[in-house]
PDB file of N, CA and C in Angstrom:
ATOM      1  N   MET A   1      12.635  -4.960   5.410  1.00  0.00           N
ATOM      2  CA  MET A   1      13.457  -3.805   5.690  1.00  0.00           C
ATOM      3  C   MET A   1      12.867  -2.552   5.035  1.00  0.00           C
ATOM      4  N   LEU A   2      12.264  -2.739   3.857  1.00  0.00           N
ATOM      5  CA  LEU A   2      11.651  -1.605   3.173  1.00  0.00           C
ATOM      6  C   LEU A   2      10.509  -1.031   3.990  1.00  0.00           C
ATOM      7  N   GLY A   3       9.746  -1.892   4.646  1.00  0.00           N
ATOM      8  CA  GLY A   3       8.637  -1.433   5.479  1.00  0.00           C
ATOM      9  C   GLY A   3       9.113  -0.549   6.601  1.00  0.00           C
ATOM     10  N   LEU A   4      10.284  -0.856   7.153  1.00  0.00           N
ATOM     11  CA  LEU A   4      10.834  -0.033   8.231  1.00  0.00           C
ATOM     12  C   LEU A   4      11.150   1.378   7.727  1.00  0.00           C
ATOM     13  N   GLY A   5      11.683   1.464   6.511  1.00  0.00           N
ATOM     14  CA  GLY A   5      11.996   2.772   5.946  1.00  0.00           C
ATOM     15  C   GLY A   5      10.752   3.613   5.724  1.00  0.00           C
ATOM     16  N   ASN A   6       9.693   2.973   5.249  1.00  0.00           N
ATOM     17  CA  ASN A   6       8.433   3.684   5.040  1.00  0.00           C
ATOM     18  C   ASN A   6       7.866   4.167   6.364  1.00  0.00           C
ATOM     19  N   ASN A   7       7.932   3.294   7.369  1.00  0.00           N
ATOM     20  CA  ASN A   7       7.431   3.652   8.686  1.00  0.00           C
ATOM     21  C   ASN A   7       8.237   4.805   9.256  1.00  0.00           C
ATOM     22  N   LEU A   8       9.528   4.792   9.017  1.00  0.00           N
ATOM     23  CA  LEU A   8      10.405   5.858   9.491  1.00  0.00           C
ATOM     24  C   LEU A   8      10.022   7.190   8.840  1.00  0.00           C
ATOM     25  N   ASN A   9       9.721   7.158   7.547  1.00  0.00           N
ATOM     26  CA  ASN A   9       9.294   8.378   6.857  1.00  0.00           C
ATOM     27  C   ASN A   9       7.977   8.899   7.414  1.00  0.00           C
ATOM     28  N   GLU A  10       7.057   7.989   7.714  1.00  0.00           N
ATOM     29  CA  GLU A  10       5.781   8.396   8.312  1.00  0.00           C
ATOM     30  C   GLU A  10       6.006   9.055   9.666  1.00  0.00           C
ATOM     31  N   LEU A  11       6.906   8.480  10.448  1.00  0.00           N
ATOM     32  CA  LEU A  11       7.208   9.065  11.756  1.00  0.00           C
ATOM     33  C   LEU A  11       7.859  10.442  11.605  1.00  0.00           C
ATOM     34  N   LYS A  12       8.745  10.591  10.628  1.00  0.00           N
ATOM     35  CA  LYS A  12       9.371  11.897  10.397  1.00  0.00           C
ATOM     36  C   LYS A  12       8.324  12.942  10.022  1.00  0.00           C
ATOM     37  N   MET A  13       7.369  12.547   9.178  1.00  0.00           N
ATOM     38  CA  MET A  13       6.309  13.483   8.786  1.00  0.00           C
ATOM     39  C   MET A  13       5.430  13.835   9.985  1.00  0.00           C
ATOM     40  N   ARG A  14       5.159  12.839  10.831  1.00  0.00           N
ATOM     41  CA  ARG A  14       4.360  13.084  12.044  1.00  0.00           C
ATOM     42  C   ARG A  14       5.075  14.065  12.971  1.00  0.00           C
ATOM     43  N   ILE A  15       6.373  13.887  13.133  1.00  0.00           N
ATOM     44  CA  ILE A  15       7.164  14.788  13.974  1.00  0.00           C
ATOM     45  C   ILE A  15       7.137  16.198  13.402  1.00  0.00           C
ATOM     46  N   GLN A  16       7.319  16.313  12.083  1.00  0.00           N
ATOM     47  CA  GLN A  16       7.312  17.634  11.449  1.00  0.00           C
ATOM     48  C   GLN A  16       5.956  18.320  11.619  1.00  0.00           C
ATOM     49  N   LYS A  17       4.875  17.553  11.485  1.00  0.00           N
ATOM     50  CA  LYS A  17       3.531  18.123  11.646  1.00  0.00           C
ATOM     51  C   LYS A  17       3.335  18.652  13.063  1.00  0.00           C
ATOM     52  N   ILE A  18       3.766  17.877  14.052  1.00  0.00           N
ATOM     53  CA  ILE A  18       3.612  18.313  15.448  1.00  0.00           C
ATOM     54  C   ILE A  18       4.463  19.543  15.717  1.00  0.00           C
ATOM     55  N   GLN A  19       5.678  19.562  15.172  1.00  0.00           N
ATOM     56  CA  GLN A  19       6.532  20.737  15.344  1.00  0.00           C
ATOM     57  C   GLN A  19       5.886  21.973  14.723  1.00  0.00           C
ATOM     58  N   ASP A  20       5.257  21.802  13.571  1.00  0.00           N
ATOM     59  CA  ASP A  20       4.550  22.915  12.930  1.00  0.00           C
ATOM     60  C   ASP A  20       3.387  23.393  13.798  1.00  0.00           C
ATOM     61  N   GLU A  21       2.655  22.440  14.393  1.00  0.00           N
ATOM     62  CA  GLU A  21       1.533  22.806  15.260  1.00  0.00           C
ATOM     63  C   GLU A  21       2.016  23.578  16.481  1.00  0.00           C
ATOM     64  N   ILE A  22       3.152  23.172  17.027  1.00  0.00           N
ATOM     65  CA  ILE A  22       3.706  23.902  18.176  1.00  0.00           C
ATOM     66  C   ILE A  22       4.118  25.309  17.758  1.00  0.00           C
ATOM     67  N   SER A  23       4.717  25.423  16.571  1.00  0.00           N
ATOM     68  CA  SER A  23       5.112  26.745  16.073  1.00  0.00           C
ATOM     69  C   SER A  23       3.897  27.642  15.865  1.00  0.00           C
ATOM     70  N   GLN A  24       2.795  27.049  15.403  1.00  0.00           N
ATOM     71  CA  GLN A  24       1.573  27.824  15.160  1.00  0.00           C
ATOM     72  C   GLN A  24       0.961  28.338  16.455  1.00  0.00           C
ATOM     73  N   LEU A  25       1.240  27.656  17.563  1.00  0.00           N
ATOM     74  CA  LEU A  25       0.731  28.150  18.846  1.00  0.00           C
ATOM     75  C   LEU A  25       1.364  29.499  19.191  1.00  0.00           C
ATOM     76  N   GLY A  26       2.549  29.712  18.689  1.00  0.00           N
ATOM     77  CA  GLY A  26       3.234  30.976  18.970  1.00  0.00           C
ATOM     78  C   GLY A  26       3.635  31.066  20.425  1.00  0.00           C
ATOM     79  N   SER A  27       3.702  32.274  20.901  1.00  0.00           N
ATOM     80  CA  SER A  27       4.045  32.485  22.309  1.00  0.00           C
ATOM     81  C   SER A  27       2.775  32.877  23.062  1.00  0.00           C
ATOM     82  N   PRO A  28       2.826  32.781  24.387  1.00  0.00           N
ATOM     83  CA  PRO A  28       1.619  33.144  25.138  1.00  0.00           C
ATOM     84  C   PRO A  28       1.250  34.605  24.897  1.00  0.00           C
ATOM     85  N   GLU A  29      -0.031  34.850  24.936  1.00  0.00           N
ATOM     86  CA  GLU A  29      -0.492  36.224  24.725  1.00  0.00           C
ATOM     87  C   GLU A  29      -0.021  37.094  25.887  1.00  0.00           C
ATOM     88  N   PRO A  30       0.309  38.332  25.574  1.00  0.00           N
ATOM     89  CA  PRO A  30       0.785  39.210  26.651  1.00  0.00           C
ATOM     90  C   PRO A  30      -0.337  39.534  27.642  1.00  0.00           C
ATOM     91  N   VAL A  31       0.085  39.852  28.830  1.00  0.00           N
ATOM     92  CA  VAL A  31      -0.874  40.212  29.882  1.00  0.00           C
ATOM     93  C   VAL A  31      -1.584  41.487  29.453  1.00  0.00           C
ATOM     94  N   MET A  32      -2.910  41.490  29.601  1.00  0.00           N
ATOM     95  CA  MET A  32      -3.698  42.669  29.254  1.00  0.00           C
ATOM     96  C   MET A  32      -4.047  43.392  30.546  1.00  0.00           C
ATOM     97  N   PRO A  33      -3.567  44.596  30.705  1.00  0.00           N
ATOM     98  CA  PRO A  33      -3.796  45.307  31.958  1.00  0.00           C
ATOM     99  C   PRO A  33      -5.267  45.576  32.257  1.00  0.00           C
ATOM    100  N   GLU A  34      -6.084  45.597  31.213  1.00  0.00           N
ATOM    101  CA  GLU A  34      -7.499  45.884  31.434  1.00  0.00           C
ATOM    102  C   GLU A  34      -8.250  44.678  31.999  1.00  0.00           C
ATOM    103  N   MET A  35      -7.601  43.486  31.989  1.00  0.00           N
ATOM    104  CA  MET A  35      -8.237  42.276  32.525  1.00  0.00           C
ATOM    105  C   MET A  35      -7.700  42.008  33.923  1.00  0.00           C
ATOM    106  N   ILE A  36      -8.508  41.342  34.690  1.00  0.00           N
ATOM    107  CA  ILE A  36      -8.072  41.024  36.045  1.00  0.00           C
ATOM    108  C   ILE A  36      -7.035  39.899  35.988  1.00  0.00           C
ATOM    109  N   ASN A  37      -6.260  39.762  37.026  1.00  0.00           N
ATOM    110  CA  ASN A  37      -5.187  38.780  37.065  1.00  0.00           C
ATOM    111  C   ASN A  37      -5.686  37.358  36.836  1.00  0.00           C
ATOM    112  N   ALA A  38      -6.864  37.039  37.378  1.00  0.00           N
ATOM    113  CA  ALA A  38      -7.400  35.695  37.215  1.00  0.00           C
ATOM    114  C   ALA A  38      -7.646  35.377  35.737  1.00  0.00           C
ATOM    115  N   THR A  39      -8.146  36.330  34.986  1.00  0.00           N
ATOM    116  CA  THR A  39      -8.408  36.132  33.560  1.00  0.00           C
ATOM    117  C   THR A  39      -7.108  35.941  32.806  1.00  0.00           C
ATOM    118  N   ASN A  40      -6.108  36.752  33.128  1.00  0.00           N
ATOM    119  CA  ASN A  40      -4.797  36.599  32.491  1.00  0.00           C
ATOM    120  C   ASN A  40      -4.194  35.240  32.832  1.00  0.00           C
ATOM    121  N   ALA A  41      -4.373  34.795  34.061  1.00  0.00           N
ATOM    122  CA  ALA A  41      -3.858  33.492  34.474  1.00  0.00           C
ATOM    123  C   ALA A  41      -4.585  32.374  33.725  1.00  0.00           C
ATOM    124  N   LEU A  42      -5.875  32.506  33.516  1.00  0.00           N
ATOM    125  CA  LEU A  42      -6.636  31.500  32.765  1.00  0.00           C
ATOM    126  C   LEU A  42      -6.186  31.436  31.310  1.00  0.00           C
ATOM    127  N   ARG A  43      -5.948  32.578  30.713  1.00  0.00           N
ATOM    128  CA  ARG A  43      -5.475  32.623  29.330  1.00  0.00           C
ATOM    129  C   ARG A  43      -4.111  31.961  29.204  1.00  0.00           C
ATOM    130  N   LEU A  44      -3.211  32.254  30.147  1.00  0.00           N
ATOM    131  CA  LEU A  44      -1.892  31.648  30.138  1.00  0.00           C
ATOM    132  C   LEU A  44      -2.002  30.142  30.371  1.00  0.00           C
ATOM    133  N   ASN A  45      -2.859  29.734  31.280  1.00  0.00           N
ATOM    134  CA  ASN A  45      -3.059  28.314  31.561  1.00  0.00           C
ATOM    135  C   ASN A  45      -3.563  27.577  30.321  1.00  0.00           C
ATOM    136  N   ASP A  46      -4.478  28.200  29.590  1.00  0.00           N
ATOM    137  CA  ASP A  46      -5.000  27.587  28.362  1.00  0.00           C
ATOM    138  C   ASP A  46      -3.873  27.386  27.349  1.00  0.00           C
ATOM    139  N   TYR A  47      -3.047  28.398  27.173  1.00  0.00           N
ATOM    140  CA  TYR A  47      -1.915  28.301  26.250  1.00  0.00           C
ATOM    141  C   TYR A  47      -0.962  27.191  26.696  1.00  0.00           C
ATOM    142  N   LEU A  48      -0.597  27.181  27.967  1.00  0.00           N
ATOM    143  CA  LEU A  48       0.359  26.194  28.473  1.00  0.00           C
ATOM    144  C   LEU A  48      -0.199  24.773  28.363  1.00  0.00           C
ATOM    145  N   THR A  49      -1.494  24.610  28.551  1.00  0.00           N
ATOM    146  CA  THR A  49      -2.114  23.295  28.411  1.00  0.00           C
ATOM    147  C   THR A  49      -1.986  22.794  26.976  1.00  0.00           C
ATOM    148  N   LYS A  50      -2.321  23.651  26.005  1.00  0.00           N
ATOM    149  CA  LYS A  50      -2.200  23.274  24.597  1.00  0.00           C
ATOM    150  C   LYS A  50      -0.752  22.969  24.237  1.00  0.00           C
ATOM    151  N   SER A  51       0.147  23.820  24.681  1.00  0.00           N
ATOM    152  CA  SER A  51       1.566  23.636  24.391  1.00  0.00           C
ATOM    153  C   SER A  51       2.088  22.335  24.992  1.00  0.00           C
ATOM    154  N   ASP A  52       1.740  22.055  26.218  1.00  0.00           N
ATOM    155  CA  ASP A  52       2.192  20.823  26.875  1.00  0.00           C
ATOM    156  C   ASP A  52       1.640  19.578  26.180  1.00  0.00           C
ATOM    157  N   GLU A  53       0.382  19.627  25.730  1.00  0.00           N
ATOM    158  CA  GLU A  53      -0.196  18.486  25.018  1.00  0.00           C
ATOM    159  C   GLU A  53       0.579  18.208  23.733  1.00  0.00           C
ATOM    160  N   LYS A  54       0.880  19.264  22.996  1.00  0.00           N
ATOM    161  CA  LYS A  54       1.624  19.106  21.737  1.00  0.00           C
ATOM    162  C   LYS A  54       3.028  18.576  22.006  1.00  0.00           C
ATOM    163  N   LYS A  55       3.668  19.089  23.041  1.00  0.00           N
ATOM    164  CA  LYS A  55       5.032  18.643  23.345  1.00  0.00           C
ATOM    165  C   LYS A  55       5.047  17.207  23.844  1.00  0.00           C
ATOM    166  N   THR A  56       4.014  16.798  24.555  1.00  0.00           N
ATOM    167  CA  THR A  56       3.907  15.405  24.987  1.00  0.00           C
ATOM    168  C   THR A  56       3.732  14.498  23.770  1.00  0.00           C
ATOM    169  N   THR A  57       2.914  14.926  22.819  1.00  0.00           N
ATOM    170  CA  THR A  57       2.721  14.176  21.582  1.00  0.00           C
ATOM    171  C   THR A  57       4.029  14.099  20.797  1.00  0.00           C
ATOM    172  N   LEU A  58       4.761  15.210  20.767  1.00  0.00           N
ATOM    173  CA  LEU A  58       6.038  15.243  20.068  1.00  0.00           C
ATOM    174  C   LEU A  58       7.034  14.282  20.712  1.00  0.00           C
ATOM    175  N   ASN A  59       7.084  14.252  22.025  1.00  0.00           N
ATOM    176  CA  ASN A  59       7.977  13.323  22.719  1.00  0.00           C
ATOM    177  C   ASN A  59       7.631  11.876  22.390  1.00  0.00           C
ATOM    178  N   ALA A  60       6.348  11.564  22.318  1.00  0.00           N
ATOM    179  CA  ALA A  60       5.918  10.205  21.981  1.00  0.00           C
ATOM    180  C   ALA A  60       6.339   9.852  20.553  1.00  0.00           C
ATOM    181  N   ALA A  61       6.221  10.812  19.643  1.00  0.00           N
ATOM    182  CA  ALA A  61       6.621  10.573  18.250  1.00  0.00           C
ATOM    183  C   ALA A  61       8.132  10.333  18.164  1.00  0.00           C
ATOM    184  N   TYR A  62       8.903  11.122  18.897  1.00  0.00           N
ATOM    185  CA  TYR A  62      10.355  10.908  18.915  1.00  0.00           C
ATOM    186  C   TYR A  62      10.696   9.547  19.517  1.00  0.00           C
ATOM    187  N   ASP A  63       9.942   9.115  20.513  1.00  0.00           N
ATOM    188  CA  ASP A  63      10.164   7.803  21.116  1.00  0.00           C
ATOM    189  C   ASP A  63       9.927   6.699  20.084  1.00  0.00           C
ATOM    190  N   ASP A  64       8.837   6.800  19.339  1.00  0.00           N
ATOM    191  CA  ASP A  64       8.545   5.825  18.279  1.00  0.00           C
ATOM    192  C   ASP A  64       9.649   5.835  17.220  1.00  0.00           C
ATOM    193  N   TYR A  65      10.078   7.028  16.840  1.00  0.00           N
ATOM    194  CA  TYR A  65      11.118   7.193  15.830  1.00  0.00           C
ATOM    195  C   TYR A  65      12.422   6.546  16.301  1.00  0.00           C
ATOM    196  N   THR A  66      12.768   6.762  17.562  1.00  0.00           N
ATOM    197  CA  THR A  66      13.983   6.187  18.125  1.00  0.00           C
ATOM    198  C   THR A  66      13.912   4.667  18.139  1.00  0.00           C
ATOM    199  N   ARG A  67      12.764   4.127  18.521  1.00  0.00           N
ATOM    200  CA  ARG A  67      12.612   2.669  18.531  1.00  0.00           C
ATOM    201  C   ARG A  67      12.772   2.088  17.134  1.00  0.00           C
ATOM    202  N   GLN A  68      12.218   2.768  16.129  1.00  0.00           N
ATOM    203  CA  GLN A  68      12.354   2.297  14.754  1.00  0.00           C
ATOM    204  C   GLN A  68      13.819   2.323  14.312  1.00  0.00           C
ATOM    205  N   LEU A  69      14.524   3.404  14.655  1.00  0.00           N
ATOM    206  CA  LEU A  69      15.943   3.493  14.303  1.00  0.00           C
ATOM    207  C   LEU A  69      16.744   2.384  14.984  1.00  0.00           C
ATOM    208  N   GLU A  70      16.443   2.108  16.239  1.00  0.00           N
ATOM    209  CA  GLU A  70      17.137   1.033  16.951  1.00  0.00           C
ATOM    210  C   GLU A  70      16.868  -0.313  16.294  1.00  0.00           C
ATOM    211  N   GLN A  71      15.650  -0.531  15.856  1.00  0.00           N
ATOM    212  CA  GLN A  71      15.308  -1.788  15.187  1.00  0.00           C
ATOM    213  C   GLN A  71      16.063  -1.910  13.864  1.00  0.00           C
ATOM    214  N   ILE A  72      16.145  -0.834  13.118  1.00  0.00           N
ATOM    215  CA  ILE A  72      16.864  -0.851  11.843  1.00  0.00           C
ATOM    216  C   ILE A  72      18.342  -1.126  12.084  1.00  0.00           C
ATOM    217  N   ILE A  73      18.927  -0.459  13.065  1.00  0.00           N
ATOM    218  CA  ILE A  73      20.352  -0.658  13.363  1.00  0.00           C
ATOM    219  C   ILE A  73      20.603  -2.094  13.797  1.00  0.00           C
ATOM    220  N   SER A  74      19.733  -2.629  14.620  1.00  0.00           N
ATOM    221  CA  SER A  74      19.872  -4.018  15.058  1.00  0.00           C
ATOM    222  C   SER A  74      19.827  -4.965  13.866  1.00  0.00           C
ATOM    223  N   SER A  75      18.907  -4.726  12.940  1.00  0.00           N
ATOM    224  CA  SER A  75      18.814  -5.561  11.739  1.00  0.00           C
ATOM    225  C   SER A  75      20.069  -5.451  10.895  1.00  0.00           C
ATOM    226  N   LEU A  76      20.566  -4.238  10.744  1.00  0.00           N
ATOM    227  CA  LEU A  76      21.777  -4.037   9.943  1.00  0.00           C
ATOM    228  C   LEU A  76      22.983  -4.726  10.574  1.00  0.00           C
ATOM    229  N   LEU A  77      23.097  -4.664  11.899  1.00  0.00           N
ATOM    230  CA  LEU A  77      24.215  -5.324  12.573  1.00  0.00           C
ATOM    231  C   LEU A  77      24.110  -6.840  12.431  1.00  0.00           C
ATOM    232  N   SER A  78      22.911  -7.372  12.492  1.00  0.00           N
ATOM    233  CA  SER A  78      22.701  -8.803  12.304  1.00  0.00           C
ATOM    234  C   SER A  78      23.093  -9.219  10.889  1.00  0.00           C
ATOM    235  N   ILE A  79      22.705  -8.426   9.925  1.00  0.00           N
ATOM    236  CA  ILE A  79      23.062  -8.698   8.529  1.00  0.00           C
ATOM    237  C   ILE A  79      24.576  -8.640   8.359  1.00  0.00           C
ATOM    238  N   GLN A  80      25.211  -7.672   8.999  1.00  0.00           N
ATOM    239  CA  GLN A  80      26.665  -7.542   8.911  1.00  0.00           C
ATOM    240  C   GLN A  80      27.365  -8.793   9.449  1.00  0.00           C
ATOM    241  N   VAL A  81      26.899  -9.312  10.574  1.00  0.00           N
ATOM    242  CA  VAL A  81      27.484 -10.531  11.148  1.00  0.00           C
ATOM    243  C   VAL A  81      27.290 -11.703  10.184  1.00  0.00           C
ATOM    244  N   ASP A  82      26.092 -11.824   9.621  1.00  0.00           N
ATOM    245  CA  ASP A  82      25.823 -12.904   8.671  1.00  0.00           C
ATOM    246  C   ASP A  82      26.733 -12.798   7.450  1.00  0.00           C
ATOM    247  N   LEU A  83      26.917 -11.590   6.943  1.00  0.00           N
ATOM    248  CA  LEU A  83      27.783 -11.398   5.778  1.00  0.00           C
ATOM    249  C   LEU A  83      29.228 -11.755   6.099  1.00  0.00           C
ATOM    250  N   LYS A  84      29.702 -11.403   7.286  1.00  0.00           N
ATOM    251  CA  LYS A  84      31.067 -11.773   7.682  1.00  0.00           C
ATOM    252  C   LYS A  84      31.223 -13.279   7.708  1.00  0.00           C
ATOM    253  N   ASP A  85      30.219 -13.984   8.256  1.00  0.00           N
ATOM    254  CA  ASP A  85      30.266 -15.440   8.307  1.00  0.00           C
ATOM    255  C   ASP A  85      30.292 -16.044   6.898  1.00  0.00           C
ATOM    256  N   ILE A  86      29.500 -15.491   6.021  1.00  0.00           N
ATOM    257  CA  ILE A  86      29.465 -15.983   4.637  1.00  0.00           C
ATOM    258  C   ILE A  86      30.810 -15.752   3.967  1.00  0.00           C
ATOM    259  N   ILE A  87      31.384 -14.576   4.155  1.00  0.00           N
ATOM    260  CA  ILE A  87      32.680 -14.264   3.542  1.00  0.00           C
ATOM    261  C   ILE A  87      33.762 -15.190   4.080  1.00  0.00           C
ATOM    262  N   LYS A  88      33.759 -15.440   5.384  1.00  0.00           N
ATOM    263  CA  LYS A  88      34.740 -16.361   5.965  1.00  0.00           C
ATOM    264  C   LYS A  88      34.589 -17.756   5.376  1.00  0.00           C
ATOM    265  N   ALA A  89      33.354 -18.226   5.255  1.00  0.00           N
ATOM    266  CA  ALA A  89      33.117 -19.555   4.694  1.00  0.00           C
ATOM    267  C   ALA A  89      33.569 -19.621   3.240  1.00  0.00           C
ATOM    268  N   GLU A  90      33.244 -18.606   2.473  1.00  0.00           N
ATOM    269  CA  GLU A  90      33.660 -18.567   1.068  1.00  0.00           C
ATOM    270  C   GLU A  90      35.180 -18.492   0.954  1.00  0.00           C
ATOM    271  N   ALA A  91      35.820 -17.717   1.818  1.00  0.00           N
ATOM    272  CA  ALA A  91      37.281 -17.602   1.787  1.00  0.00           C
ATOM    273  C   ALA A  91      37.929 -18.939   2.112  1.00  0.00           C
ATOM    274  N   SER A  92      37.374 -19.663   3.072  1.00  0.00           N
ATOM    275  CA  SER A  92      37.959 -20.965   3.409  1.00  0.00           C
ATOM    276  C   SER A  92      37.764 -21.964   2.278  1.00  0.00           C
ATOM    277  N   ILE A  93      36.657 -21.883   1.574  1.00  0.00           N
ATOM    278  CA  ILE A  93      36.421 -22.761   0.421  1.00  0.00           C
ATOM    279  C   ILE A  93      37.419 -22.438  -0.682  1.00  0.00           C
ATOM    280  N   ILE A  94      37.622 -21.147  -0.936  1.00  0.00           N
ATOM    281  CA  ILE A  94      38.575 -20.722  -1.975  1.00  0.00           C
ATOM    282  C   ILE A  94      39.984 -21.166  -1.594  1.00  0.00           C
ATOM    283  N   ASP A  95      40.365 -20.979  -0.340  1.00  0.00           N
ATOM    284  CA  ASP A  95      41.695 -21.392   0.122  1.00  0.00           C
ATOM    285  C   ASP A  95      41.880 -22.897  -0.037  1.00  0.00           C
ATOM    286  N   ALA A  96      40.863 -23.662   0.334  1.00  0.00           N
ATOM    287  CA  ALA A  96      40.945 -25.113   0.224  1.00  0.00           C
ATOM    288  C   ALA A  96      41.062 -25.537  -1.233  1.00  0.00           C
ATOM    289  N   HIS A  97      40.327 -24.885  -2.091  1.00  0.00           N
ATOM    290  CA  HIS A  97      40.366 -25.210  -3.515  1.00  0.00           C
ATOM    291  C   HIS A  97      41.742 -24.875  -4.103  1.00  0.00           C
ATOM    292  N   GLU A  98      42.258 -23.721  -3.733  1.00  0.00           N
ATOM    293  CA  GLU A  98      43.555 -23.304  -4.261  1.00  0.00           C
ATOM    294  C   GLU A  98      44.695 -24.178  -3.754  1.00  0.00           C
ATOM    295  N   SER A  99      44.573 -24.692  -2.545  1.00  0.00           N
ATOM    296  CA  SER A  99      45.632 -25.525  -1.994  1.00  0.00           C
ATOM    297  C   SER A  99      45.505 -26.975  -2.448  1.00  0.00           C
ATOM    298  N   GLY A 100      44.464 -27.277  -3.217  1.00  0.00           N
ATOM    299  CA  GLY A 100      44.300 -28.610  -3.763  1.00  0.00           C
ATOM    300  C   GLY A 100      43.567 -29.555  -2.844  1.00  0.00           C
ATOM    301  N   GLN A 101      43.104 -29.082  -1.741  1.00  0.00           N
ATOM    302  CA  GLN A 101      42.351 -29.943  -0.840  1.00  0.00           C
ATOM    303  C   GLN A 101      40.932 -30.089  -1.374  1.00  0.00           C
ATOM    304  N   THR A 102      40.320 -31.187  -1.040  1.00  0.00           N
ATOM    305  CA  THR A 102      38.937 -31.400  -1.457  1.00  0.00           C
ATOM    306  C   THR A 102      38.063 -31.443  -0.226  1.00  0.00           C
ATOM    307  N   GLU A 103      37.729 -30.282   0.256  1.00  0.00           N
ATOM    308  CA  GLU A 103      36.833 -30.189   1.404  1.00  0.00           C
ATOM    309  C   GLU A 103      35.402 -30.092   0.917  1.00  0.00           C
ATOM    310  N   LYS A 104      34.520 -30.497   1.747  1.00  0.00           N
ATOM    311  CA  LYS A 104      33.103 -30.341   1.434  1.00  0.00           C
ATOM    312  C   LYS A 104      32.747 -28.864   1.448  1.00  0.00           C
ATOM    313  N   LYS A 105      31.961 -28.483   0.506  1.00  0.00           N
ATOM    314  CA  LYS A 105      31.464 -27.109   0.536  1.00  0.00           C
ATOM    315  C   LYS A 105      30.365 -27.033   1.573  1.00  0.00           C
ATOM    316  N   THR A 106      30.464 -26.022   2.410  1.00  0.00           N
ATOM    317  CA  THR A 106      29.436 -25.830   3.421  1.00  0.00           C
ATOM    318  C   THR A 106      28.628 -24.609   3.050  1.00  0.00           C
ATOM    319  N   ARG A 107      27.404 -24.700   3.340  1.00  0.00           N
ATOM    320  CA  ARG A 107      26.509 -23.599   3.036  1.00  0.00           C
ATOM    321  C   ARG A 107      26.104 -22.953   4.340  1.00  0.00           C
ATOM    322  N   VAL A 108      26.298 -21.656   4.435  1.00  0.00           N
ATOM    323  CA  VAL A 108      25.935 -20.925   5.645  1.00  0.00           C
ATOM    324  C   VAL A 108      24.498 -20.482   5.494  1.00  0.00           C
ATOM    325  N   LYS A 109      23.702 -20.879   6.474  1.00  0.00           N
ATOM    326  CA  LYS A 109      22.298 -20.464   6.457  1.00  0.00           C
ATOM    327  C   LYS A 109      22.176 -19.133   7.171  1.00  0.00           C
ATOM    328  N   PRO A 110      21.537 -18.139   6.522  1.00  0.00           N
ATOM    329  CA  PRO A 110      21.371 -16.844   7.195  1.00  0.00           C
ATOM    330  C   PRO A 110      20.419 -16.962   8.379  1.00  0.00           C
ATOM    331  N   LYS A 111      20.720 -16.186   9.415  1.00  0.00           N
ATOM    332  CA  LYS A 111      19.858 -16.156  10.585  1.00  0.00           C
ATOM    333  C   LYS A 111      18.623 -15.353  10.284  1.00  0.00           C
ATOM    334  N   LYS A 112      17.553 -15.701  10.919  1.00  0.00           N
ATOM    335  CA  LYS A 112      16.310 -14.935  10.716  1.00  0.00           C
ATOM    336  C   LYS A 112      15.952 -14.245  11.987  1.00  0.00           C
TER     337      LYS A 112
END
């Protein structure tokens, strides 16, 4: 479980780095009237290409981050079910002991 937390932190740092890179791109350069339209279009295309690449990378990082969170939540829910089963078993043992019955103690094996 600790490894998942470390991986999650790495993904958060990766997301922050990509967001910083997108911020550093700034906004597209303004149209320069002294240049022909084709040149202005090429400059804008270059900016949009870089921006789209960064945003695609950012989406992939968020996808990885989401998968890690889902895995952690799934593990936590599994642990919660196991703990409920253990508590129920312990409660039944305590009840049996208090009522004077001699039941066998059962040991709940955690799921893996």
